[in-house]
Structures are given as C-alpha cells and as structure tokens.
C-alpha cells in the first residue's frame, strides 16, 4: 500500500512540475488547434470526394438558363441590318418607302393603289431581276413573334429584336418558322410570293422595320447597328404624319372654299348685271319719254312752217295773175 501511494504521489508531483513550466500551456493550445484543423480538412476532403459523382457536368448556371426568355447576346447588338436577300446586288426595289417629308414625285411613286384608293407604302418591296421567287432571309437575329396567313398581304412573319423594335416580312410563302423560334441573321424564313394588296410588284417580299409600332425607312438603316434605331425618337415622326394628314384635309377643303368664293363672285356679278340692265332700261324709258315730249313741239313747228309756205305760194300765184 505504501509503495502504491508513493508511486501516485511521485506521478502527481511530476505532472505538477510539468504544468508549472511556462511553455506547457502554449504547447497544449497549439497541439489542440492543430488536431482540430486537421480533422476539419479531412472531413471536407472526404465529403467532396463522396459528392463528386453526383455532379451534373452538362448543367450550367448561366443567367436566364431557367427562364423561357433567353438573354440577349452581346454580339447581337453589334449586328447591322442587312437586306433580306442572299444577293443584294441582284435585288430590285419595286416600290420605295413613303416618306412624309419627301418630295412630291417620290411620294407619288411610293403609293400603292388598291381597291380604288391610294395607300402610303410603309416599307419597301424587294424583288429580283429575273422575277423568280427567292429565299427571304432574316435581316437581324431575334425571336419570331408572329406567323400569320393573310390572303391580302400574302402572309406575315414578324421578328422582334429588342423591346419595341421589330422587322416584318410580308408577301411570303413556304414559311419555315413558327412563333417562339430564335433565328439568326441570314436564316431562311420563307420564300418570296405575291399579294393582292400590291399585285403590280409581282413576286416580291414586303419588308418593314418598325419601332414602337411606327414604320421607318429600311434604306436608312441597312448596314447600321441596332443601336442606331434605339436612339431614334418616333414622336417627331408621328407628329409629322399627323400634320401631313391635317394638310391633306385642308387641301381637300380648299376647293369647296374656292367654289363658294366663285359662287359669291358670280352672285355679285349677276347682281351688278341686273342693276346695269335696270339702269339701261330706265335710261331707255327716259329717252323715249323725252323724245315723245319733244316731238309734238317739233311736229307743230313743222305744221306751222307748212302753212306759211302754202300762204306764200298762194300770194305768189295771185301776183303773177
């Protein structure tokens, strides 16, 4: 018993001596931290190794991946509008865009005659030199928002490129796209065809560029980027069209004003003529009355002169006898 007590007491005394040393507690803290850190790293490594097989390497975390509306590519904003034909050199503009600020000759050439009425052309009508059908290509990358069969316009395809900016392709057949399709610049949308609205153009495609529903001249934006159209303010153009409509209305009203002026002029002339006739009639009556009044005196004078001559003749005859 005493030996065991001696051993315990010796162990306690050695532990106490060890703990009394200055470096004992820092060494214990450092060793504990190292052990804990080693355990955490080992746990993370083993967890990652376990979950590696469950990763889907085909999935990506791109913005817009989980939504129906795709993000607009950066290089798409740098695209330039191009003519919707494969060979622009062989294209022929059958009818130009009607510009409300253009010259009278150009405006007259840009009118479409349908149903005994002239309509301003809201786009350009493109055909080829040989008059045959051709592929209608996308002028700019975008999303198809409308595909309609229309007997009057010859079917319609609409592609949206940015908010409020669309391109329309009318008078087409054999349409290859549907609503919701994403098309790239140069993709074939359909074939050129004919329309009842503009039969004179023959086989062609009616191409329009619109911003906020307002048509613009496509020739002004070919070989220009989408940003050039984004900066366009369509308010002034709308006001110009309204003012043009008011001018046309005034021109239509002008003939009636001229006509009323002519009628009033005629009425005044007729009144003057009637007054002149009345005056002439009055003058004639006065002259006649004056002549009538003067004639009796003249007649009596003539009669007096005749009597004197008779008496003189009688006296002459008696003298001769």
C-alpha atoms as a PDB file:
ATOM      1  CA  UNK A   1       0.000   0.000   0.000  1.00  0.00           C
ATOM      2  CA  UNK A   2       2.735   2.355   0.836  1.00  0.00           C
ATOM      3  CA  UNK A   3       4.522   1.605  -2.434  1.00  0.00           C
ATOM      4  CA  UNK A   4       1.400   2.436  -4.470  1.00  0.00           C
ATOM      5  CA  UNK A   5       0.893   5.648  -2.561  1.00  0.00           C
ATOM      6  CA  UNK A   6       4.498   6.546  -3.217  1.00  0.00           C
ATOM      7  CA  UNK A   7       4.059   5.943  -6.968  1.00  0.00           C
ATOM      8  CA  UNK A   8       0.897   8.091  -7.131  1.00  0.00           C
ATOM      9  CA  UNK A   9       2.465  10.873  -5.208  1.00  0.00           C
ATOM     10  CA  UNK A  10       5.511  10.789  -7.477  1.00  0.00           C
ATOM     11  CA  UNK A  11       3.268  10.924 -10.607  1.00  0.00           C
ATOM     12  CA  UNK A  12       1.264  13.846  -9.232  1.00  0.00           C
ATOM     13  CA  UNK A  13       4.386  15.694  -8.357  1.00  0.00           C
ATOM     14  CA  UNK A  14       5.860  15.165 -11.869  1.00  0.00           C
ATOM     15  CA  UNK A  15       2.586  16.382 -13.547  1.00  0.00           C
ATOM     16  CA  UNK A  16       2.535  19.407 -11.322  1.00  0.00           C
ATOM     17  CA  UNK A  17       6.130  20.136 -12.174  1.00  0.00           C
ATOM     18  CA  UNK A  18       5.315  19.831 -15.880  1.00  0.00           C
ATOM     19  CA  UNK A  19       2.324  22.166 -15.635  1.00  0.00           C
ATOM     20  CA  UNK A  20       4.359  24.692 -13.798  1.00  0.00           C
ATOM     21  CA  UNK A  21       6.639  25.137 -16.769  1.00  0.00           C
ATOM     22  CA  UNK A  22       5.994  28.274 -18.858  1.00  0.00           C
ATOM     23  CA  UNK A  23       5.765  26.599 -22.244  1.00  0.00           C
ATOM     24  CA  UNK A  24       3.333  23.869 -21.095  1.00  0.00           C
ATOM     25  CA  UNK A  25       0.040  25.683 -21.694  1.00  0.00           C
ATOM     26  CA  UNK A  26       1.015  27.263 -25.106  1.00  0.00           C
ATOM     27  CA  UNK A  27       2.179  23.871 -26.282  1.00  0.00           C
ATOM     28  CA  UNK A  28      -1.120  22.316 -25.264  1.00  0.00           C
ATOM     29  CA  UNK A  29      -3.111  25.063 -27.106  1.00  0.00           C
ATOM     30  CA  UNK A  30      -1.096  24.722 -30.292  1.00  0.00           C
ATOM     31  CA  UNK A  31      -1.387  20.951 -30.294  1.00  0.00           C
ATOM     32  CA  UNK A  32      -5.148  21.132 -29.753  1.00  0.00           C
ATOM     33  CA  UNK A  33      -5.605  23.656 -32.605  1.00  0.00           C
ATOM     34  CA  UNK A  34      -3.554  21.513 -34.957  1.00  0.00           C
ATOM     35  CA  UNK A  35      -5.616  18.469 -34.160  1.00  0.00           C
ATOM     36  CA  UNK A  36      -8.921  20.323 -34.698  1.00  0.00           C
ATOM     37  CA  UNK A  37      -7.772  21.892 -38.018  1.00  0.00           C
ATOM     38  CA  UNK A  38      -6.549  18.551 -39.298  1.00  0.00           C
ATOM     39  CA  UNK A  39      -9.898  16.988 -38.504  1.00  0.00           C
ATOM     40  CA  UNK A  40     -11.868  19.745 -40.364  1.00  0.00           C
ATOM     41  CA  UNK A  41      -9.719  19.478 -43.504  1.00  0.00           C
ATOM     42  CA  UNK A  42     -10.015  15.734 -43.539  1.00  0.00           C
ATOM     43  CA  UNK A  43     -13.811  15.958 -43.232  1.00  0.00           C
ATOM     44  CA  UNK A  44     -14.153  18.425 -46.113  1.00  0.00           C
ATOM     45  CA  UNK A  45     -11.912  16.380 -48.375  1.00  0.00           C
ATOM     46  CA  UNK A  46     -13.826  13.199 -47.708  1.00  0.00           C
ATOM     47  CA  UNK A  47     -17.218  14.969 -48.277  1.00  0.00           C
ATOM     48  CA  UNK A  48     -16.141  16.427 -51.625  1.00  0.00           C
ATOM     49  CA  UNK A  49     -14.840  13.071 -52.781  1.00  0.00           C
ATOM     50  CA  UNK A  50     -18.170  11.480 -51.896  1.00  0.00           C
ATOM     51  CA  UNK A  51     -20.359  14.086 -53.775  1.00  0.00           C
ATOM     52  CA  UNK A  52     -18.201  14.284 -56.933  1.00  0.00           C
ATOM     53  CA  UNK A  53     -20.102  11.542 -58.733  1.00  0.00           C
ATOM     54  CA  UNK A  54     -23.432  13.309 -58.197  1.00  0.00           C
ATOM     55  CA  UNK A  55     -22.428  16.483 -60.115  1.00  0.00           C
ATOM     56  CA  UNK A  56     -24.188  17.274 -63.455  1.00  0.00           C
ATOM     57  CA  UNK A  57     -21.403  18.473 -65.653  1.00  0.00           C
ATOM     58  CA  UNK A  58     -23.851  19.268 -68.506  1.00  0.00           C
ATOM     59  CA  UNK A  59     -25.795  21.784 -66.421  1.00  0.00           C
ATOM     60  CA  UNK A  60     -24.610  25.368 -66.297  1.00  0.00           C
ATOM     61  CA  UNK A  61     -25.524  28.227 -64.038  1.00  0.00           C
ATOM     62  CA  UNK A  62     -25.876  30.867 -66.796  1.00  0.00           C
ATOM     63  CA  UNK A  63     -28.247  33.746 -66.090  1.00  0.00           C
ATOM     64  CA  UNK A  64     -31.582  33.088 -67.755  1.00  0.00           C
ATOM     65  CA  UNK A  65     -30.990  29.310 -68.085  1.00  0.00           C
ATOM     66  CA  UNK A  66     -34.120  28.508 -66.078  1.00  0.00           C
ATOM     67  CA  UNK A  67     -36.365  31.014 -67.850  1.00  0.00           C
ATOM     68  CA  UNK A  68     -38.147  30.950 -71.169  1.00  0.00           C
ATOM     69  CA  UNK A  69     -36.807  34.351 -72.265  1.00  0.00           C
ATOM     70  CA  UNK A  70     -33.174  33.992 -73.341  1.00  0.00           C
ATOM     71  CA  UNK A  71     -30.633  36.667 -72.567  1.00  0.00           C
ATOM     72  CA  UNK A  72     -29.670  38.935 -75.463  1.00  0.00           C
ATOM     73  CA  UNK A  73     -26.189  38.140 -76.697  1.00  0.00           C
ATOM     74  CA  UNK A  74     -23.675  40.939 -76.565  1.00  0.00           C
ATOM     75  CA  UNK A  75     -22.543  40.470 -80.167  1.00  0.00           C
ATOM     76  CA  UNK A  76     -26.156  40.665 -81.376  1.00  0.00           C
ATOM     77  CA  UNK A  77     -26.266  44.350 -80.509  1.00  0.00           C
ATOM     78  CA  UNK A  78     -23.309  44.821 -82.848  1.00  0.00           C
ATOM     79  CA  UNK A  79     -25.112  43.281 -85.851  1.00  0.00           C
ATOM     80  CA  UNK A  80     -26.016  45.542 -88.736  1.00  0.00           C
ATOM     81  CA  UNK A  81     -29.358  45.466 -90.544  1.00  0.00           C
ATOM     82  CA  UNK A  82     -28.972  43.779 -93.927  1.00  0.00           C
ATOM     83  CA  UNK A  83     -31.268  43.358 -96.902  1.00  0.00           C
ATOM     84  CA  UNK A  84     -33.363  40.164 -96.507  1.00  0.00           C
ATOM     85  CA  UNK A  85     -31.986  38.562 -99.673  1.00  0.00           C
ATOM     86  CA  UNK A  86     -28.966  36.392-100.340  1.00  0.00           C
ATOM     87  CA  UNK A  87     -27.555  38.566-103.121  1.00  0.00           C
ATOM     88  CA  UNK A  88     -28.306  42.279-102.567  1.00  0.00           C
ATOM     89  CA  UNK A  89     -26.761  43.141-105.947  1.00  0.00           C
ATOM     90  CA  UNK A  90     -29.498  41.231-107.763  1.00  0.00           C
ATOM     91  CA  UNK A  91     -32.280  42.834-105.713  1.00  0.00           C
ATOM     92  CA  UNK A  92     -34.630  45.401-107.233  1.00  0.00           C
ATOM     93  CA  UNK A  93     -36.695  47.844-105.171  1.00  0.00           C
ATOM     94  CA  UNK A  94     -40.127  47.683-106.802  1.00  0.00           C
ATOM     95  CA  UNK A  95     -41.641  50.384-104.580  1.00  0.00           C
ATOM     96  CA  UNK A  96     -39.976  52.747-102.154  1.00  0.00           C
ATOM     97  CA  UNK A  97     -40.958  53.728 -98.611  1.00  0.00           C
ATOM     98  CA  UNK A  98     -43.475  56.608 -98.374  1.00  0.00           C
ATOM     99  CA  UNK A  99     -41.684  59.478 -96.653  1.00  0.00           C
ATOM    100  CA  UNK A 100     -43.979  62.220 -95.369  1.00  0.00           C
ATOM    101  CA  UNK A 101     -41.073  64.665 -95.593  1.00  0.00           C
ATOM    102  CA  UNK A 102     -40.058  63.594 -99.093  1.00  0.00           C
ATOM    103  CA  UNK A 103     -40.576  65.271-102.437  1.00  0.00           C
ATOM    104  CA  UNK A 104     -43.933  65.152-104.171  1.00  0.00           C
ATOM    105  CA  UNK A 105     -42.594  62.964-107.005  1.00  0.00           C
ATOM    106  CA  UNK A 106     -41.099  60.453-104.553  1.00  0.00           C
ATOM    107  CA  UNK A 107     -44.293  60.354-102.504  1.00  0.00           C
ATOM    108  CA  UNK A 108     -46.381  59.728-105.597  1.00  0.00           C
ATOM    109  CA  UNK A 109     -44.108  56.838-106.621  1.00  0.00           C
ATOM    110  CA  UNK A 110     -44.430  55.325-103.107  1.00  0.00           C
ATOM    111  CA  UNK A 111     -48.229  54.999-103.203  1.00  0.00           C
ATOM    112  CA  UNK A 112     -49.911  51.605-103.555  1.00  0.00           C
ATOM    113  CA  UNK A 113     -53.167  51.555-105.497  1.00  0.00           C
ATOM    114  CA  UNK A 114     -55.666  49.062-104.102  1.00  0.00           C
ATOM    115  CA  UNK A 115     -59.471  48.990-104.125  1.00  0.00           C
ATOM    116  CA  UNK A 116     -59.680  52.334-105.959  1.00  0.00           C
ATOM    117  CA  UNK A 117     -57.663  54.005-103.179  1.00  0.00           C
ATOM    118  CA  UNK A 118     -54.030  55.093-102.855  1.00  0.00           C
ATOM    119  CA  UNK A 119     -52.212  53.883 -99.726  1.00  0.00           C
ATOM    120  CA  UNK A 120     -48.762  55.039 -98.462  1.00  0.00           C
ATOM    121  CA  UNK A 121     -46.196  52.237 -98.632  1.00  0.00           C
ATOM    122  CA  UNK A 122     -44.989  51.502 -95.083  1.00  0.00           C
ATOM    123  CA  UNK A 123     -41.947  49.508 -96.204  1.00  0.00           C
ATOM    124  CA  UNK A 124     -40.010  48.579 -99.329  1.00  0.00           C
ATOM    125  CA  UNK A 125     -40.993  45.946-101.892  1.00  0.00           C
ATOM    126  CA  UNK A 126     -37.989  43.852-102.931  1.00  0.00           C
ATOM    127  CA  UNK A 127     -37.813  41.576-105.978  1.00  0.00           C
ATOM    128  CA  UNK A 128     -35.009  40.076-108.066  1.00  0.00           C
ATOM    129  CA  UNK A 129     -34.091  40.951-111.633  1.00  0.00           C
ATOM    130  CA  UNK A 130     -35.318  37.701-113.170  1.00  0.00           C
ATOM    131  CA  UNK A 131     -38.706  37.973-111.426  1.00  0.00           C
ATOM    132  CA  UNK A 132     -38.447  34.481-109.897  1.00  0.00           C
ATOM    133  CA  UNK A 133     -39.008  33.533-106.272  1.00  0.00           C
ATOM    134  CA  UNK A 134     -36.116  33.661-103.803  1.00  0.00           C
ATOM    135  CA  UNK A 135     -35.262  32.902-100.177  1.00  0.00           C
ATOM    136  CA  UNK A 136     -36.317  35.550 -97.673  1.00  0.00           C
ATOM    137  CA  UNK A 137     -33.588  35.815 -95.022  1.00  0.00           C
ATOM    138  CA  UNK A 138     -33.621  37.285 -91.519  1.00  0.00           C
ATOM    139  CA  UNK A 139     -32.268  40.837 -91.647  1.00  0.00           C
ATOM    140  CA  UNK A 140     -31.221  40.630 -87.987  1.00  0.00           C
ATOM    141  CA  UNK A 141     -31.131  37.988 -85.259  1.00  0.00           C
ATOM    142  CA  UNK A 142     -34.175  37.845 -83.000  1.00  0.00           C
ATOM    143  CA  UNK A 143     -37.257  35.973 -81.830  1.00  0.00           C
ATOM    144  CA  UNK A 144     -40.240  35.159 -84.051  1.00  0.00           C
ATOM    145  CA  UNK A 145     -43.346  36.746 -82.518  1.00  0.00           C
ATOM    146  CA  UNK A 146     -45.878  36.424 -85.365  1.00  0.00           C
ATOM    147  CA  UNK A 147     -46.552  33.939 -88.169  1.00  0.00           C
ATOM    148  CA  UNK A 148     -49.902  34.563 -89.852  1.00  0.00           C
ATOM    149  CA  UNK A 149     -51.533  33.505 -93.089  1.00  0.00           C
ATOM    150  CA  UNK A 150     -53.033  36.531 -94.789  1.00  0.00           C
ATOM    151  CA  UNK A 151     -54.580  36.347 -98.257  1.00  0.00           C
ATOM    152  CA  UNK A 152     -54.485  40.131 -98.710  1.00  0.00           C
ATOM    153  CA  UNK A 153     -50.897  40.804 -97.588  1.00  0.00           C
ATOM    154  CA  UNK A 154     -49.591  37.425 -98.712  1.00  0.00           C
ATOM    155  CA  UNK A 155     -48.740  36.015 -95.218  1.00  0.00           C
ATOM    156  CA  UNK A 156     -46.798  37.830 -92.498  1.00  0.00           C
ATOM    157  CA  UNK A 157     -43.732  36.970 -90.377  1.00  0.00           C
ATOM    158  CA  UNK A 158     -42.638  39.284 -87.558  1.00  0.00           C
ATOM    159  CA  UNK A 159     -39.317  39.059 -85.708  1.00  0.00           C
ATOM    160  CA  UNK A 160     -38.591  41.003 -82.517  1.00  0.00           C
ATOM    161  CA  UNK A 161     -35.012  42.188 -81.965  1.00  0.00           C
ATOM    162  CA  UNK A 162     -35.344  44.487 -78.989  1.00  0.00           C
ATOM    163  CA  UNK A 163     -38.145  45.990 -76.927  1.00  0.00           C
ATOM    164  CA  UNK A 164     -40.305  47.863 -79.415  1.00  0.00           C
ATOM    165  CA  UNK A 165     -38.114  47.099 -82.461  1.00  0.00           C
ATOM    166  CA  UNK A 166     -39.374  44.506 -84.953  1.00  0.00           C
ATOM    167  CA  UNK A 167     -38.982  43.561 -88.606  1.00  0.00           C
ATOM    168  CA  UNK A 168     -41.877  42.355 -90.766  1.00  0.00           C
ATOM    169  CA  UNK A 169     -41.808  40.176 -93.858  1.00  0.00           C
ATOM    170  CA  UNK A 170     -44.999  40.217 -95.941  1.00  0.00           C
ATOM    171  CA  UNK A 171     -45.983  38.568 -99.225  1.00  0.00           C
ATOM    172  CA  UNK A 172     -44.159  35.314 -98.396  1.00  0.00           C
ATOM    173  CA  UNK A 173     -44.892  31.607 -98.912  1.00  0.00           C
ATOM    174  CA  UNK A 174     -43.472  28.302 -97.644  1.00  0.00           C
ATOM    175  CA  UNK A 175     -42.819  29.716 -94.176  1.00  0.00           C
ATOM    176  CA  UNK A 176     -40.124  27.788 -92.291  1.00  0.00           C
ATOM    177  CA  UNK A 177     -40.513  29.248 -88.798  1.00  0.00           C
ATOM    178  CA  UNK A 178     -43.083  29.365 -86.023  1.00  0.00           C
ATOM    179  CA  UNK A 179     -43.810  31.655 -83.106  1.00  0.00           C
ATOM    180  CA  UNK A 180     -41.145  31.409 -80.411  1.00  0.00           C
ATOM    181  CA  UNK A 181     -38.286  30.361 -82.707  1.00  0.00           C
ATOM    182  CA  UNK A 182     -34.920  32.034 -82.294  1.00  0.00           C
ATOM    183  CA  UNK A 183     -33.485  32.992 -85.671  1.00  0.00           C
ATOM    184  CA  UNK A 184     -30.013  34.160 -86.543  1.00  0.00           C
ATOM    185  CA  UNK A 185     -29.152  36.763 -89.122  1.00  0.00           C
ATOM    186  CA  UNK A 186     -29.197  35.163 -92.561  1.00  0.00           C
ATOM    187  CA  UNK A 187     -31.525  32.257 -91.663  1.00  0.00           C
ATOM    188  CA  UNK A 188     -34.116  31.449 -94.334  1.00  0.00           C
ATOM    189  CA  UNK A 189     -37.578  32.400 -93.097  1.00  0.00           C
ATOM    190  CA  UNK A 190     -39.703  31.758 -96.188  1.00  0.00           C
ATOM    191  CA  UNK A 191     -39.956  32.199 -99.969  1.00  0.00           C
ATOM    192  CA  UNK A 192     -40.951  35.381-101.767  1.00  0.00           C
ATOM    193  CA  UNK A 193     -44.508  35.352-103.129  1.00  0.00           C
ATOM    194  CA  UNK A 194     -47.310  37.612-104.310  1.00  0.00           C
ATOM    195  CA  UNK A 195     -50.029  39.631-102.596  1.00  0.00           C
ATOM    196  CA  UNK A 196     -53.403  41.026-103.549  1.00  0.00           C
ATOM    197  CA  UNK A 197     -52.548  44.334-101.928  1.00  0.00           C
ATOM    198  CA  UNK A 198     -49.744  45.076-104.389  1.00  0.00           C
ATOM    199  CA  UNK A 199     -50.211  42.928-107.453  1.00  0.00           C
ATOM    200  CA  UNK A 200     -48.099  45.236-109.600  1.00  0.00           C
ATOM    201  CA  UNK A 201     -44.951  44.223-107.698  1.00  0.00           C
ATOM    202  CA  UNK A 202     -45.254  40.584-108.810  1.00  0.00           C
ATOM    203  CA  UNK A 203     -43.114  38.099-106.887  1.00  0.00           C
ATOM    204  CA  UNK A 204     -41.563  40.084-104.074  1.00  0.00           C
ATOM    205  CA  UNK A 205     -41.177  40.478-100.319  1.00  0.00           C
ATOM    206  CA  UNK A 206     -42.574  43.484 -98.499  1.00  0.00           C
ATOM    207  CA  UNK A 207     -40.000  44.337 -95.815  1.00  0.00           C
ATOM    208  CA  UNK A 208     -40.653  46.692 -92.892  1.00  0.00           C
ATOM    209  CA  UNK A 209     -38.709  47.950 -89.876  1.00  0.00           C
ATOM    210  CA  UNK A 210     -40.823  49.312 -87.023  1.00  0.00           C
ATOM    211  CA  UNK A 211     -40.022  50.981 -83.726  1.00  0.00           C
ATOM    212  CA  UNK A 212     -42.832  51.296 -81.180  1.00  0.00           C
ATOM    213  CA  UNK A 213     -45.277  50.447 -83.965  1.00  0.00           C
ATOM    214  CA  UNK A 214     -44.050  53.290 -86.198  1.00  0.00           C
ATOM    215  CA  UNK A 215     -42.601  52.268 -89.598  1.00  0.00           C
ATOM    216  CA  UNK A 216     -39.235  53.708 -90.604  1.00  0.00           C
ATOM    217  CA  UNK A 217     -37.438  53.698 -93.945  1.00  0.00           C
ATOM    218  CA  UNK A 218     -35.400  50.453 -94.106  1.00  0.00           C
ATOM    219  CA  UNK A 219     -32.966  52.022 -96.573  1.00  0.00           C
ATOM    220  CA  UNK A 220     -31.890  54.425 -93.821  1.00  0.00           C
ATOM    221  CA  UNK A 221     -30.799  51.564 -91.520  1.00  0.00           C
ATOM    222  CA  UNK A 222     -29.214  48.986 -93.810  1.00  0.00           C
ATOM    223  CA  UNK A 223     -25.587  48.389 -92.756  1.00  0.00           C
ATOM    224  CA  UNK A 224     -26.272  50.190 -89.464  1.00  0.00           C
ATOM    225  CA  UNK A 225     -26.405  48.587 -85.975  1.00  0.00           C
ATOM    226  CA  UNK A 226     -29.486  48.127 -83.848  1.00  0.00           C
ATOM    227  CA  UNK A 227     -28.293  50.872 -81.513  1.00  0.00           C
ATOM    228  CA  UNK A 228     -28.806  53.485 -84.242  1.00  0.00           C
ATOM    229  CA  UNK A 229     -32.531  52.664 -84.273  1.00  0.00           C
ATOM    230  CA  UNK A 230     -32.758  52.504 -80.495  1.00  0.00           C
ATOM    231  CA  UNK A 231     -31.770  56.160 -80.323  1.00  0.00           C
ATOM    232  CA  UNK A 232     -34.482  57.218 -82.790  1.00  0.00           C
ATOM    233  CA  UNK A 233     -37.302  59.343 -81.381  1.00  0.00           C
ATOM    234  CA  UNK A 234     -40.504  58.367 -83.189  1.00  0.00           C
ATOM    235  CA  UNK A 235     -42.540  61.152 -81.569  1.00  0.00           C
ATOM    236  CA  UNK A 236     -41.467  63.747 -84.119  1.00  0.00           C
ATOM    237  CA  UNK A 237     -42.275  61.374 -86.961  1.00  0.00           C
ATOM    238  CA  UNK A 238     -45.755  60.724 -85.600  1.00  0.00           C
ATOM    239  CA  UNK A 239     -46.372  64.464 -85.304  1.00  0.00           C
ATOM    240  CA  UNK A 240     -45.180  64.950 -88.876  1.00  0.00           C
ATOM    241  CA  UNK A 241     -47.635  62.348 -90.126  1.00  0.00           C
ATOM    242  CA  UNK A 242     -50.467  63.963 -88.185  1.00  0.00           C
ATOM    243  CA  UNK A 243     -49.586  67.370 -89.595  1.00  0.00           C
ATOM    244  CA  UNK A 244     -49.413  65.878 -93.059  1.00  0.00           C
ATOM    245  CA  UNK A 245     -52.860  64.419 -92.600  1.00  0.00           C
ATOM    246  CA  UNK A 246     -54.173  67.805 -91.483  1.00  0.00           C
ATOM    247  CA  UNK A 247     -52.619  69.431 -94.544  1.00  0.00           C
ATOM    248  CA  UNK A 248     -54.244  66.905 -96.816  1.00  0.00           C
ATOM    249  CA  UNK A 249     -57.555  67.619 -95.118  1.00  0.00           C
ATOM    250  CA  UNK A 250     -57.104  71.338 -95.670  1.00  0.00           C
ATOM    251  CA  UNK A 251     -56.238  70.726 -99.297  1.00  0.00           C
ATOM    252  CA  UNK A 252     -59.413  68.738 -99.710  1.00  0.00           C
ATOM    253  CA  UNK A 253     -61.419  71.508 -98.050  1.00  0.00           C
ATOM    254  CA  UNK A 254     -59.806  74.231-100.143  1.00  0.00           C
ATOM    255  CA  UNK A 255     -61.727  73.500-103.370  1.00  0.00           C
ATOM    256  CA  UNK A 256     -65.031  73.982-101.568  1.00  0.00           C
ATOM    257  CA  UNK A 257     -63.822  77.324-100.250  1.00  0.00           C
ATOM    258  CA  UNK A 258     -62.767  78.362-103.743  1.00  0.00           C
ATOM    259  CA  UNK A 259     -66.060  77.184-105.051  1.00  0.00           C
ATOM    260  CA  UNK A 260     -68.007  79.239-102.513  1.00  0.00           C
ATOM    261  CA  UNK A 261     -65.868  82.251-103.377  1.00  0.00           C
ATOM    262  CA  UNK A 262     -66.578  81.716-107.045  1.00  0.00           C
ATOM    263  CA  UNK A 263     -70.279  81.381-106.345  1.00  0.00           C
ATOM    264  CA  UNK A 264     -70.290  84.575-104.280  1.00  0.00           C
ATOM    265  CA  UNK A 265     -68.377  86.296-107.082  1.00  0.00           C
ATOM    266  CA  UNK A 266     -70.870  85.080-109.619  1.00  0.00           C
ATOM    267  CA  UNK A 267     -73.736  86.309-107.456  1.00  0.00           C
ATOM    268  CA  UNK A 268     -72.175  89.745-107.191  1.00  0.00           C
ATOM    269  CA  UNK A 269     -71.584  89.832-110.962  1.00  0.00           C
ATOM    270  CA  UNK A 270     -75.159  88.762-111.628  1.00  0.00           C
ATOM    271  CA  UNK A 271     -76.443  91.478-109.246  1.00  0.00           C
ATOM    272  CA  UNK A 272     -74.305  94.077-110.976  1.00  0.00           C
ATOM    273  CA  UNK A 273     -75.540  92.909-114.372  1.00  0.00           C
ATOM    274  CA  UNK A 274     -79.146  93.131-113.215  1.00  0.00           C
ATOM    275  CA  UNK A 275     -78.555  96.615-111.822  1.00  0.00           C
ATOM    276  CA  UNK A 276     -76.912  97.660-115.097  1.00  0.00           C
ATOM    277  CA  UNK A 277     -79.822  96.256-117.062  1.00  0.00           C
ATOM    278  CA  UNK A 278     -82.295  98.110-114.869  1.00  0.00           C
ATOM    279  CA  UNK A 279     -80.355 101.337-115.291  1.00  0.00           C
ATOM    280  CA  UNK A 280     -80.194 100.863-119.041  1.00  0.00           C
ATOM    281  CA  UNK A 281     -83.906 100.155-119.116  1.00  0.00           C
ATOM    282  CA  UNK A 282     -84.597 103.301-117.097  1.00  0.00           C
ATOM    283  CA  UNK A 283     -82.392 105.338-119.374  1.00  0.00           C
ATOM    284  CA  UNK A 284     -84.207 103.975-122.405  1.00  0.00           C
ATOM    285  CA  UNK A 285     -87.586 104.845-120.935  1.00  0.00           C
ATOM    286  CA  UNK A 286     -86.434 108.368-120.057  1.00  0.00           C
ATOM    287  CA  UNK A 287     -85.059 108.871-123.551  1.00  0.00           C
ATOM    288  CA  UNK A 288     -88.276 107.671-125.089  1.00  0.00           C
ATOM    289  CA  UNK A 289     -90.376 109.966-122.895  1.00  0.00           C
ATOM    290  CA  UNK A 290     -88.074 112.869-123.646  1.00  0.00           C
ATOM    291  CA  UNK A 291     -88.294 112.201-127.336  1.00  0.00           C
ATOM    292  CA  UNK A 292     -92.042 111.897-127.054  1.00  0.00           C
ATOM    293  CA  UNK A 293     -92.333 115.208-125.275  1.00  0.00           C
ATOM    294  CA  UNK A 294     -90.066 116.988-127.766  1.00  0.00           C
ATOM    295  CA  UNK A 295     -91.709 115.526-130.874  1.00  0.00           C
ATOM    296  CA  UNK A 296     -95.101 117.313-130.508  1.00  0.00           C
ATOM    297  CA  UNK A 297     -93.389 120.695-130.409  1.00  0.00           C
ATOM    298  CA  UNK A 298     -91.329 119.809-133.418  1.00  0.00           C
ATOM    299  CA  UNK A 299     -94.378 118.485-135.226  1.00  0.00           C
ATOM    300  CA  UNK A 300     -96.342 121.722-134.535  1.00  0.00           C
ATOM    301  CA  UNK A 301     -93.426 123.778-135.760  1.00  0.00           C
ATOM    302  CA  UNK A 302     -93.286 121.735-138.929  1.00  0.00           C
ATOM    303  CA  UNK A 303     -97.016 122.195-139.423  1.00  0.00           C
ATOM    304  CA  UNK A 304     -96.690 126.000-138.897  1.00  0.00           C
ATOM    305  CA  UNK A 305     -93.905 126.143-141.427  1.00  0.00           C
ATOM    306  CA  UNK A 306     -96.060 124.263-143.941  1.00  0.00           C
ATOM    307  CA  UNK A 307     -98.986 126.638-143.564  1.00  0.00           C
ATOM    308  CA  UNK A 308     -96.720 129.681-144.124  1.00  0.00           C
ATOM    309  CA  UNK A 309     -95.306 128.128-147.260  1.00  0.00           C
ATOM    310  CA  UNK A 310     -98.816 127.468-148.585  1.00  0.00           C
ATOM    311  CA  UNK A 311     -99.804 131.087-147.968  1.00  0.00           C
ATOM    312  CA  UNK A 312     -96.646 132.372-149.661  1.00  0.00           C
ATOM    313  CA  UNK A 313     -97.283 130.153-152.655  1.00  0.00           C
ATOM    314  CA  UNK A 314    -100.874 131.430-152.925  1.00  0.00           C
ATOM    315  CA  UNK A 315     -99.730 135.042-152.735  1.00  0.00           C
ATOM    316  CA  UNK A 316     -97.133 134.432-155.446  1.00  0.00           C
ATOM    317  CA  UNK A 317     -99.697 132.881-157.781  1.00  0.00           C
ATOM    318  CA  UNK A 318    -102.126 135.814-157.327  1.00  0.00           C
ATOM    319  CA  UNK A 319     -99.355 138.323-158.146  1.00  0.00           C
ATOM    320  CA  UNK A 320     -98.441 136.515-161.302  1.00  0.00           C
ATOM    321  CA  UNK A 321    -102.044 136.524-162.397  1.00  0.00           C
END
